[in-house]
Each structure stands twice: as C-alpha cells, then as structure tokens.
Amino acid sequence: MKKFLKNIILNNIVKILIVYQKNLESKEFVFNSYIDQTIYFEIDYLVKLIKEKKREDEKNGI
C-alpha cells in the first residue's frame, strides 16, 4: 500500500503542486504572510525543475 501511494504521488507531484499554488494564487497575490509568498515561489521553482527534468529524460530516452 505504501509503495502504491508513493507511486501515485510521484506521478502526480506537478499537478498536486500546481493545485496548491493556485490555492495561494486565488488571493490575488496579496499574501497574508511571508511564508505564503515563499511557499508560492518555491512551488513555482519546483514545478519548473520537474518539468525540465522530464524534458531531459524524454530527450535522453529514459
């Protein structure tokens, strides 16, 4: 069961992060705290890294 959940999360991590980010974004960039702002931009950075890694893997045939 643990392995199954891990695979689901790993396969959908970008979607999960984007949904969470949109939840923060719905406040129209009026962040209630520094932590919200930091989390928003960290998620944005992580999504970009994950997408870049997937493109590299597809390019290399992995």
PDB file of N, CA and C in Angstrom:
ATOM      1  N   MET A   1       0.826  -1.191   0.000  1.00  0.00           N
ATOM      2  CA  MET A   1       0.000   0.000   0.000  1.00  0.00           C
ATOM      3  C   MET A   1       0.872   1.257   0.000  1.00  0.00           C
ATOM      4  N   LYS A   2       1.930   1.235   0.804  1.00  0.00           N
ATOM      5  CA  LYS A   2       2.823   2.382   0.909  1.00  0.00           C
ATOM      6  C   LYS A   2       3.498   2.670  -0.435  1.00  0.00           C
ATOM      7  N   LYS A   3       3.913   1.619  -1.124  1.00  0.00           N
ATOM      8  CA  LYS A   3       4.563   1.749  -2.422  1.00  0.00           C
ATOM      9  C   LYS A   3       3.584   2.303  -3.462  1.00  0.00           C
ATOM     10  N   PHE A   4       2.333   1.854  -3.389  1.00  0.00           N
ATOM     11  CA  PHE A   4       1.286   2.304  -4.298  1.00  0.00           C
ATOM     12  C   PHE A   4       1.054   3.808  -4.138  1.00  0.00           C
ATOM     13  N   LEU A   5       0.920   4.271  -2.904  1.00  0.00           N
ATOM     14  CA  LEU A   5       0.714   5.691  -2.642  1.00  0.00           C
ATOM     15  C   LEU A   5       1.912   6.523  -3.088  1.00  0.00           C
ATOM     16  N   LYS A   6       3.098   5.988  -2.862  1.00  0.00           N
ATOM     17  CA  LYS A   6       4.314   6.684  -3.278  1.00  0.00           C
ATOM     18  C   LYS A   6       4.325   6.872  -4.790  1.00  0.00           C
ATOM     19  N   ASN A   7       3.952   5.848  -5.541  1.00  0.00           N
ATOM     20  CA  ASN A   7       3.901   5.944  -6.998  1.00  0.00           C
ATOM     21  C   ASN A   7       2.857   6.953  -7.463  1.00  0.00           C
ATOM     22  N   ILE A   8       1.711   6.966  -6.816  1.00  0.00           N
ATOM     23  CA  ILE A   8       0.663   7.932  -7.183  1.00  0.00           C
ATOM     24  C   ILE A   8       1.161   9.350  -6.963  1.00  0.00           C
ATOM     25  N   ILE A   9       1.778   9.594  -5.836  1.00  0.00           N
ATOM     26  CA  ILE A   9       2.284  10.941  -5.522  1.00  0.00           C
ATOM     27  C   ILE A   9       3.386  11.336  -6.492  1.00  0.00           C
ATOM     28  N   LEU A  10       4.322  10.443  -6.746  1.00  0.00           N
ATOM     29  CA  LEU A  10       5.427  10.760  -7.651  1.00  0.00           C
ATOM     30  C   LEU A  10       4.937  11.035  -9.069  1.00  0.00           C
ATOM     31  N   ASN A  11       3.943  10.301  -9.512  1.00  0.00           N
ATOM     32  CA  ASN A  11       3.423  10.505 -10.861  1.00  0.00           C
ATOM     33  C   ASN A  11       2.596  11.771 -10.995  1.00  0.00           C
ATOM     34  N   ASN A  12       2.060  12.271  -9.889  1.00  0.00           N
ATOM     35  CA  ASN A  12       1.174  13.431  -9.937  1.00  0.00           C
ATOM     36  C   ASN A  12       1.698  14.633  -9.166  1.00  0.00           C
ATOM     37  N   ILE A  13       2.972  14.663  -8.834  1.00  0.00           N
ATOM     38  CA  ILE A  13       3.519  15.725  -7.991  1.00  0.00           C
ATOM     39  C   ILE A  13       3.344  17.106  -8.624  1.00  0.00           C
ATOM     40  N   VAL A  14       3.516  17.212  -9.920  1.00  0.00           N
ATOM     41  CA  VAL A  14       3.379  18.518 -10.580  1.00  0.00           C
ATOM     42  C   VAL A  14       1.948  19.005 -10.454  1.00  0.00           C
ATOM     43  N   LYS A  15       0.989  18.126 -10.678  1.00  0.00           N
ATOM     44  CA  LYS A  15      -0.423  18.508 -10.559  1.00  0.00           C
ATOM     45  C   LYS A  15      -0.757  18.924  -9.137  1.00  0.00           C
ATOM     46  N   ILE A  16      -0.247  18.183  -8.172  1.00  0.00           N
ATOM     47  CA  ILE A  16      -0.507  18.498  -6.761  1.00  0.00           C
ATOM     48  C   ILE A  16       0.064  19.862  -6.410  1.00  0.00           C
ATOM     49  N   LEU A  17       1.301  20.131  -6.839  1.00  0.00           N
ATOM     50  CA  LEU A  17       1.928  21.415  -6.534  1.00  0.00           C
ATOM     51  C   LEU A  17       1.198  22.571  -7.209  1.00  0.00           C
ATOM     52  N   ILE A  18       0.747  22.370  -8.448  1.00  0.00           N
ATOM     53  CA  ILE A  18       0.045  23.439  -9.160  1.00  0.00           C
ATOM     54  C   ILE A  18      -1.293  23.744  -8.486  1.00  0.00           C
ATOM     55  N   VAL A  19      -2.010  22.721  -8.051  1.00  0.00           N
ATOM     56  CA  VAL A  19      -3.276  22.939  -7.346  1.00  0.00           C
ATOM     57  C   VAL A  19      -3.032  23.722  -6.064  1.00  0.00           C
ATOM     58  N   TYR A  20      -2.010  23.339  -5.325  1.00  0.00           N
ATOM     59  CA  TYR A  20      -1.691  24.048  -4.084  1.00  0.00           C
ATOM     60  C   TYR A  20      -1.301  25.489  -4.375  1.00  0.00           C
ATOM     61  N   GLN A  21      -0.522  25.687  -5.429  1.00  0.00           N
ATOM     62  CA  GLN A  21      -0.090  27.021  -5.803  1.00  0.00           C
ATOM     63  C   GLN A  21      -1.281  27.883  -6.212  1.00  0.00           C
ATOM     64  N   LYS A  22      -2.212  27.315  -6.948  1.00  0.00           N
ATOM     65  CA  LYS A  22      -3.400  28.071  -7.363  1.00  0.00           C
ATOM     66  C   LYS A  22      -4.248  28.457  -6.159  1.00  0.00           C
ATOM     67  N   ASN A  23      -4.236  27.639  -5.126  1.00  0.00           N
ATOM     68  CA  ASN A  23      -4.942  27.968  -3.903  1.00  0.00           C
ATOM     69  C   ASN A  23      -4.340  29.228  -3.282  1.00  0.00           C
ATOM     70  N   LEU A  24      -3.023  29.321  -3.289  1.00  0.00           N
ATOM     71  CA  LEU A  24      -2.374  30.527  -2.781  1.00  0.00           C
ATOM     72  C   LEU A  24      -2.616  31.705  -3.715  1.00  0.00           C
ATOM     73  N   GLU A  25      -2.614  31.423  -5.027  1.00  0.00           N
ATOM     74  CA  GLU A  25      -2.771  32.460  -6.035  1.00  0.00           C
ATOM     75  C   GLU A  25      -4.164  33.082  -5.997  1.00  0.00           C
ATOM     76  N   SER A  26      -5.150  32.343  -5.542  1.00  0.00           N
ATOM     77  CA  SER A  26      -6.518  32.846  -5.529  1.00  0.00           C
ATOM     78  C   SER A  26      -6.665  34.078  -4.642  1.00  0.00           C
ATOM     79  N   LYS A  27      -5.681  34.334  -3.852  1.00  0.00           N
ATOM     80  CA  LYS A  27      -5.702  35.522  -3.002  1.00  0.00           C
ATOM     81  C   LYS A  27      -5.216  36.751  -3.765  1.00  0.00           C
ATOM     82  N   GLU A  28      -5.043  36.578  -5.085  1.00  0.00           N
ATOM     83  CA  GLU A  28      -4.649  37.654  -5.990  1.00  0.00           C
ATOM     84  C   GLU A  28      -3.317  38.291  -5.594  1.00  0.00           C
ATOM     85  N   PHE A  29      -2.372  37.461  -5.288  1.00  0.00           N
ATOM     86  CA  PHE A  29      -1.024  37.890  -4.942  1.00  0.00           C
ATOM     87  C   PHE A  29      -0.966  38.831  -3.744  1.00  0.00           C
ATOM     88  N   VAL A  30      -1.985  38.823  -2.933  1.00  0.00           N
ATOM     89  CA  VAL A  30      -1.928  39.538  -1.665  1.00  0.00           C
ATOM     90  C   VAL A  30      -1.685  38.465  -0.615  1.00  0.00           C
ATOM     91  N   PHE A  31      -0.411  38.178  -0.408  1.00  0.00           N
ATOM     92  CA  PHE A  31      -0.043  37.116   0.501  1.00  0.00           C
ATOM     93  C   PHE A  31      -0.240  37.568   1.941  1.00  0.00           C
ATOM     94  N   ASN A  32      -0.854  36.703   2.714  1.00  0.00           N
ATOM     95  CA  ASN A  32      -1.127  37.031   4.106  1.00  0.00           C
ATOM     96  C   ASN A  32       0.137  37.001   4.957  1.00  0.00           C
ATOM     97  N   SER A  33       1.119  36.270   4.483  1.00  0.00           N
ATOM     98  CA  SER A  33       2.349  36.202   5.261  1.00  0.00           C
ATOM     99  C   SER A  33       3.526  35.936   4.344  1.00  0.00           C
ATOM    100  N   TYR A  34       4.675  36.142   4.883  1.00  0.00           N
ATOM    101  CA  TYR A  34       5.905  35.878   4.146  1.00  0.00           C
ATOM    102  C   TYR A  34       6.009  34.400   3.793  1.00  0.00           C
ATOM    103  N   ILE A  35       5.503  33.554   4.673  1.00  0.00           N
ATOM    104  CA  ILE A  35       5.563  32.111   4.437  1.00  0.00           C
ATOM    105  C   ILE A  35       4.742  31.742   3.211  1.00  0.00           C
ATOM    106  N   ASP A  36       3.538  32.300   3.064  1.00  0.00           N
ATOM    107  CA  ASP A  36       2.721  32.033   1.876  1.00  0.00           C
ATOM    108  C   ASP A  36       3.459  32.440   0.607  1.00  0.00           C
ATOM    109  N   GLN A  37       4.078  33.580   0.640  1.00  0.00           N
ATOM    110  CA  GLN A  37       4.817  34.073  -0.518  1.00  0.00           C
ATOM    111  C   GLN A  37       5.991  33.155  -0.842  1.00  0.00           C
ATOM    112  N   THR A  38       6.720  32.765   0.169  1.00  0.00           N
ATOM    113  CA  THR A  38       7.870  31.888  -0.026  1.00  0.00           C
ATOM    114  C   THR A  38       7.438  30.540  -0.584  1.00  0.00           C
ATOM    115  N   ILE A  39       6.388  29.970  -0.021  1.00  0.00           N
ATOM    116  CA  ILE A  39       5.879  28.684  -0.499  1.00  0.00           C
ATOM    117  C   ILE A  39       5.444  28.797  -1.952  1.00  0.00           C
ATOM    118  N   TYR A  40       4.759  29.862  -2.301  1.00  0.00           N
ATOM    119  CA  TYR A  40       4.281  30.055  -3.676  1.00  0.00           C
ATOM    120  C   TYR A  40       5.444  30.032  -4.664  1.00  0.00           C
ATOM    121  N   PHE A  41       6.467  30.805  -4.394  1.00  0.00           N
ATOM    122  CA  PHE A  41       7.581  30.896  -5.327  1.00  0.00           C
ATOM    123  C   PHE A  41       8.471  29.650  -5.302  1.00  0.00           C
ATOM    124  N   GLU A  42       8.557  28.973  -4.175  1.00  0.00           N
ATOM    125  CA  GLU A  42       9.295  27.711  -4.115  1.00  0.00           C
ATOM    126  C   GLU A  42       8.583  26.645  -4.940  1.00  0.00           C
ATOM    127  N   ILE A  43       7.262  26.594  -4.854  1.00  0.00           N
ATOM    128  CA  ILE A  43       6.495  25.645  -5.661  1.00  0.00           C
ATOM    129  C   ILE A  43       6.686  25.946  -7.135  1.00  0.00           C
ATOM    130  N   ASP A  44       6.650  27.216  -7.493  1.00  0.00           N
ATOM    131  CA  ASP A  44       6.851  27.607  -8.885  1.00  0.00           C
ATOM    132  C   ASP A  44       8.206  27.120  -9.379  1.00  0.00           C
ATOM    133  N   TYR A  45       9.223  27.280  -8.562  1.00  0.00           N
ATOM    134  CA  TYR A  45      10.570  26.835  -8.917  1.00  0.00           C
ATOM    135  C   TYR A  45      10.630  25.311  -9.046  1.00  0.00           C
ATOM    136  N   LEU A  46      10.004  24.590  -8.113  1.00  0.00           N
ATOM    137  CA  LEU A  46       9.998  23.130  -8.156  1.00  0.00           C
ATOM    138  C   LEU A  46       9.285  22.602  -9.396  1.00  0.00           C
ATOM    139  N   VAL A  47       8.168  23.214  -9.756  1.00  0.00           N
ATOM    140  CA  VAL A  47       7.430  22.796 -10.948  1.00  0.00           C
ATOM    141  C   VAL A  47       8.300  22.967 -12.184  1.00  0.00           C
ATOM    142  N   LYS A  48       9.005  24.088 -12.266  1.00  0.00           N
ATOM    143  CA  LYS A  48       9.895  24.318 -13.407  1.00  0.00           C
ATOM    144  C   LYS A  48      11.009  23.281 -13.454  1.00  0.00           C
ATOM    145  N   LEU A  49      11.606  22.953 -12.306  1.00  0.00           N
ATOM    146  CA  LEU A  49      12.666  21.946 -12.255  1.00  0.00           C
ATOM    147  C   LEU A  49      12.165  20.570 -12.670  1.00  0.00           C
ATOM    148  N   ILE A  50      10.994  20.190 -12.179  1.00  0.00           N
ATOM    149  CA  ILE A  50      10.439  18.876 -12.508  1.00  0.00           C
ATOM    150  C   ILE A  50      10.140  18.782 -13.993  1.00  0.00           C
ATOM    151  N   LYS A  51       9.545  19.821 -14.564  1.00  0.00           N
ATOM    152  CA  LYS A  51       9.240  19.811 -15.995  1.00  0.00           C
ATOM    153  C   LYS A  51      10.522  19.761 -16.826  1.00  0.00           C
ATOM    154  N   GLU A  52      11.544  20.502 -16.406  1.00  0.00           N
ATOM    155  CA  GLU A  52      12.822  20.489 -17.115  1.00  0.00           C
ATOM    156  C   GLU A  52      13.460  19.097 -17.055  1.00  0.00           C
ATOM    157  N   LYS A  53      13.407  18.461 -15.901  1.00  0.00           N
ATOM    158  CA  LYS A  53      13.962  17.125 -15.736  1.00  0.00           C
ATOM    159  C   LYS A  53      13.226  16.122 -16.618  1.00  0.00           C
ATOM    160  N   LYS A  54      11.892  16.229 -16.698  1.00  0.00           N
ATOM    161  CA  LYS A  54      11.119  15.333 -17.551  1.00  0.00           C
ATOM    162  C   LYS A  54      11.495  15.518 -19.011  1.00  0.00           C
ATOM    163  N   ARG A  55      11.687  16.771 -19.445  1.00  0.00           N
ATOM    164  CA  ARG A  55      12.083  17.039 -20.823  1.00  0.00           C
ATOM    165  C   ARG A  55      13.452  16.426 -21.115  1.00  0.00           C
ATOM    166  N   GLU A  56      14.385  16.554 -20.185  1.00  0.00           N
ATOM    167  CA  GLU A  56      15.719  15.972 -20.357  1.00  0.00           C
ATOM    168  C   GLU A  56      15.639  14.453 -20.440  1.00  0.00           C
ATOM    169  N   ASP A  57      14.812  13.853 -19.579  1.00  0.00           N
ATOM    170  CA  ASP A  57      14.660  12.408 -19.597  1.00  0.00           C
ATOM    171  C   ASP A  57      14.057  11.928 -20.911  1.00  0.00           C
ATOM    172  N   GLU A  58      13.069  12.657 -21.416  1.00  0.00           N
ATOM    173  CA  GLU A  58      12.453  12.287 -22.690  1.00  0.00           C
ATOM    174  C   GLU A  58      13.457  12.452 -23.842  1.00  0.00           C
ATOM    175  N   LYS A  59      14.255  13.493 -23.750  1.00  0.00           N
ATOM    176  CA  LYS A  59      15.258  13.746 -24.776  1.00  0.00           C
ATOM    177  C   LYS A  59      16.322  12.649 -24.794  1.00  0.00           C
ATOM    178  N   ASN A  60      16.700  12.183 -23.612  1.00  0.00           N
ATOM    179  CA  ASN A  60      17.726  11.143 -23.490  1.00  0.00           C
ATOM    180  C   ASN A  60      17.145   9.735 -23.634  1.00  0.00           C
ATOM    181  N   GLY A  61      15.836   9.631 -23.747  1.00  0.00           N
ATOM    182  CA  GLY A  61      15.212   8.331 -23.927  1.00  0.00           C
ATOM    183  C   GLY A  61      15.079   7.513 -22.669  1.00  0.00           C
ATOM    184  N   ILE A  62      15.000   8.166 -21.543  1.00  0.00           N
ATOM    185  CA  ILE A  62      14.872   7.466 -20.263  1.00  0.00           C
ATOM    186  C   ILE A  62      13.416   7.320 -19.896  1.00  0.00           C
TER     187      ILE A  62
END
